[in-house]
Amino acid sequence: MANTSQSKKRARQADARHDINKARRSRIRTFLRKVEEAITAGDHAVAVEALRLAQPELARGVTKGVLHKNTVSRKISRLASRVKALDKTAA
């Protein structure tokens, strides 16, 4: 338990950041889920649009310190390759 006023304040700040980061992670997961659903449905146009909207959201997660840079880079790369493969199977 926090004893000093400084440690109490840091505990309050940590709680606030936790709530903000939790909401941000949830928002990112929602964007990723939309891309996954479009890929599963086999709809290339919707998948491309969903990926286009998801990329800045993932990048924002990096700048806010919620996700690691390489993790986001890997996710975007894998999603992009799956969306691109979806176009080849449709054609």
Protein backbone atom coordinates (compact mmCIF):
# COMPACT_ATOMS: atom_id res chain seq x y z
CA MET A 1 0.00 0.00 0.00
CA ALA A 2 1.20 3.47 -0.89
CA ASN A 3 2.36 5.53 2.08
CA THR A 4 3.81 8.79 0.82
CA SER A 5 1.79 11.37 -1.07
CA GLN A 6 4.01 10.85 -4.11
CA SER A 7 3.43 7.08 -4.13
CA LYS A 8 -0.32 7.63 -3.69
CA LYS A 9 -0.33 9.95 -6.67
CA ARG A 10 1.66 7.47 -8.76
CA ALA A 11 -0.85 4.76 -7.84
CA ARG A 12 -3.72 7.00 -8.99
CA GLN A 13 -1.89 7.75 -12.23
CA ALA A 14 -1.19 4.07 -12.83
CA ASP A 15 -4.88 3.26 -12.39
CA ALA A 16 -5.86 6.00 -14.84
CA ARG A 17 -3.27 4.87 -17.43
CA HIS A 18 -4.43 1.27 -17.01
CA ASP A 19 -8.00 2.25 -17.91
CA ILE A 20 -6.87 4.32 -20.89
CA ASN A 21 -4.55 1.61 -22.19
CA LYS A 22 -7.24 -1.04 -21.73
CA ALA A 23 -9.66 1.00 -23.83
CA ARG A 24 -7.00 1.60 -26.48
CA ARG A 25 -6.14 -2.13 -26.68
CA SER A 26 -9.83 -2.97 -26.98
CA ARG A 27 -10.23 -0.47 -29.81
CA ILE A 28 -7.23 -1.93 -31.65
CA ARG A 29 -8.59 -5.47 -31.24
CA THR A 30 -11.92 -4.34 -32.71
CA PHE A 31 -10.18 -3.00 -35.82
CA LEU A 32 -8.20 -6.25 -36.13
CA ARG A 33 -11.36 -8.31 -35.71
CA LYS A 34 -13.02 -6.42 -38.58
CA VAL A 35 -10.09 -7.27 -40.86
CA GLU A 36 -10.17 -10.92 -39.77
CA GLU A 37 -13.91 -11.16 -40.39
CA ALA A 38 -13.54 -9.67 -43.88
CA ILE A 39 -10.77 -12.14 -44.69
CA THR A 40 -12.83 -15.05 -43.39
CA ALA A 41 -15.82 -13.90 -45.42
CA GLY A 42 -13.59 -13.75 -48.51
CA ASP A 43 -14.56 -10.17 -49.35
CA HIS A 44 -11.43 -8.55 -50.76
CA ALA A 45 -12.79 -5.00 -51.05
CA VAL A 46 -14.03 -4.93 -47.45
CA ALA A 47 -10.79 -6.51 -46.22
CA VAL A 48 -8.68 -3.87 -47.97
CA GLU A 49 -10.76 -1.06 -46.48
CA ALA A 50 -10.69 -2.62 -42.99
CA LEU A 51 -6.91 -3.02 -43.20
CA ARG A 52 -6.54 0.58 -44.38
CA LEU A 53 -8.45 1.74 -41.30
CA ALA A 54 -6.65 -0.63 -38.92
CA GLN A 55 -3.10 0.41 -39.82
CA PRO A 56 -3.14 3.91 -38.29
CA GLU A 57 -4.90 2.56 -35.22
CA LEU A 58 -2.13 0.00 -34.72
CA ALA A 59 0.54 2.65 -35.30
CA ARG A 60 -1.15 4.84 -32.69
CA GLY A 61 -0.88 1.95 -30.24
CA VAL A 62 2.89 2.00 -30.77
CA THR A 63 3.23 5.74 -30.20
CA LYS A 64 1.13 5.52 -27.04
CA GLY A 65 3.23 2.66 -25.69
CA VAL A 66 0.46 0.07 -25.67
CA LEU A 67 2.07 -2.24 -28.24
CA HIS A 68 5.64 -2.89 -29.33
CA LYS A 69 6.77 -1.54 -32.69
CA ASN A 70 7.86 -4.92 -34.05
CA THR A 71 4.65 -6.59 -32.92
CA VAL A 72 2.56 -4.10 -34.86
CA SER A 73 4.84 -4.33 -37.88
CA ARG A 74 4.47 -8.12 -37.87
CA LYS A 75 0.68 -7.96 -37.51
CA ILE A 76 0.29 -5.47 -40.35
CA SER A 77 2.61 -7.48 -42.59
CA ARG A 78 0.77 -10.74 -41.98
CA LEU A 79 -2.65 -9.18 -42.45
CA ALA A 80 -1.56 -7.44 -45.65
CA SER A 81 -0.21 -10.67 -47.11
CA ARG A 82 -3.46 -12.48 -46.25
CA VAL A 83 -5.54 -9.72 -47.85
CA LYS A 84 -3.32 -9.80 -50.93
CA ALA A 85 -3.67 -13.59 -51.17
CA LEU A 86 -7.43 -13.17 -50.92
CA ASP A 87 -7.38 -11.12 -54.14
CA LYS A 88 -5.47 -13.84 -56.00
CA THR A 89 -7.93 -16.54 -54.94
CA ALA A 90 -10.87 -14.38 -56.04
CA ALA A 91 -9.36 -13.71 -59.48
